[in-house]
Amino acid sequence: IVDSVGEGVTDLQPGDHVLPIFTGECGDCPLCHSEESNMCDLLRINTERGGMIHDGESRFSINGKPIHHFLGTSTFSEYTVVHSG
């Protein structure tokens, strides 16, 4: 359930129910049509980076050390920060 939204977010509001997923699919690219992959061409994430998809920064920390966003969704936590879209 959305707790709050950032500046410029117009497609979600507090109280909306959402399902964070690692990657959506455009349905048009070769990888979306492949039976061997679900990694859409629109997915621009480095799974080794550990941060947010667009800027690589972590939004959470503990004792001054960053807590990384597992696959950009942090769905093993009580709260998470994700990009709308």
Protein backbone atom coordinates (compact mmCIF):
# COMPACT_ATOMS: atom_id res chain seq x y z
CA ILE A 1 0.00 0.00 0.00
CA VAL A 2 1.44 3.37 -1.02
CA ASP A 3 2.38 5.42 2.05
CA SER A 4 3.57 8.55 0.23
CA VAL A 5 4.70 9.66 -3.22
CA GLY A 6 7.50 11.88 -4.40
CA GLU A 7 7.43 15.11 -6.32
CA GLY A 8 6.12 14.73 -9.86
CA VAL A 9 4.41 11.36 -9.28
CA THR A 10 0.93 11.64 -10.80
CA ASP A 11 -0.08 8.03 -11.41
CA LEU A 12 -0.12 6.94 -7.74
CA GLN A 13 -1.46 8.32 -4.48
CA PRO A 14 -1.30 7.32 -0.81
CA GLY A 15 -3.55 4.33 -0.15
CA ASP A 16 -3.13 2.80 -3.62
CA HIS A 17 -2.36 -0.92 -3.67
CA VAL A 18 0.72 -1.78 -5.72
CA LEU A 19 2.80 -4.85 -6.49
CA PRO A 20 6.54 -4.13 -6.74
CA ILE A 21 8.17 -6.27 -9.40
CA PHE A 22 11.76 -6.60 -10.51
CA THR A 23 10.93 -5.83 -14.11
CA GLY A 24 7.86 -5.16 -16.14
CA GLU A 25 7.61 -6.16 -19.76
CA CYS A 26 6.96 -3.95 -22.77
CA GLY A 27 5.60 -6.94 -24.69
CA ASP A 28 7.18 -5.77 -27.95
CA CYS A 29 10.96 -6.29 -27.77
CA PRO A 30 12.74 -9.50 -28.84
CA LEU A 31 13.42 -10.50 -25.22
CA CYS A 32 9.73 -10.19 -24.29
CA HIS A 33 8.93 -12.54 -27.16
CA SER A 34 11.73 -14.95 -26.22
CA GLU A 35 10.97 -18.20 -24.42
CA GLU A 36 14.45 -18.03 -22.86
CA SER A 37 14.35 -14.68 -21.02
CA ASN A 38 12.05 -12.29 -19.20
CA MET A 39 14.57 -9.44 -19.21
CA CYS A 40 12.82 -6.78 -21.27
CA ASP A 41 15.05 -4.47 -23.34
CA LEU A 42 13.56 -1.55 -21.40
CA LEU A 43 15.12 -2.89 -18.19
CA ARG A 44 18.17 -0.82 -17.39
CA ILE A 45 19.46 -2.22 -14.13
CA ASN A 46 22.78 -3.50 -12.94
CA THR A 47 21.87 -6.13 -10.36
CA GLU A 48 25.36 -5.88 -8.86
CA ARG A 49 25.01 -2.16 -8.15
CA GLY A 50 22.59 -2.60 -5.23
CA GLY A 51 20.98 0.84 -5.55
CA MET A 52 18.01 2.37 -7.24
CA ILE A 53 17.55 1.75 -10.94
CA HIS A 54 17.92 5.33 -12.16
CA ASP A 55 20.62 6.84 -9.96
CA GLY A 56 22.36 3.97 -8.15
CA GLU A 57 21.77 5.56 -4.74
CA SER A 58 20.41 3.77 -1.67
CA ARG A 59 17.46 5.43 0.11
CA PHE A 60 18.02 3.65 3.44
CA SER A 61 20.92 3.32 5.88
CA ILE A 62 21.72 1.91 9.29
CA ASN A 63 24.62 3.09 11.44
CA GLY A 64 25.78 5.24 8.52
CA LYS A 65 26.03 2.31 6.10
CA PRO A 66 23.71 1.97 3.08
CA ILE A 67 21.06 -0.70 2.94
CA HIS A 68 20.85 -1.78 -0.67
CA HIS A 69 17.70 -2.26 -2.70
CA PHE A 70 17.50 -5.93 -3.62
CA LEU A 71 16.72 -6.02 -7.36
CA GLY A 72 15.39 -2.46 -7.13
CA THR A 73 12.32 -3.42 -5.09
CA SER A 74 13.44 -4.14 -1.49
CA THR A 75 10.44 -6.38 -1.02
CA PHE A 76 11.99 -8.14 1.98
CA SER A 77 11.51 -4.97 4.04
CA GLU A 78 8.55 -3.31 5.73
CA TYR A 79 9.02 -0.14 3.65
CA THR A 80 10.67 0.45 0.31
CA VAL A 81 11.28 3.25 -2.17
CA VAL A 82 10.68 2.45 -5.84
CA HIS A 83 10.32 4.39 -9.05
CA SER A 84 6.84 4.90 -10.42
CA GLY A 85 6.28 3.60 -13.82
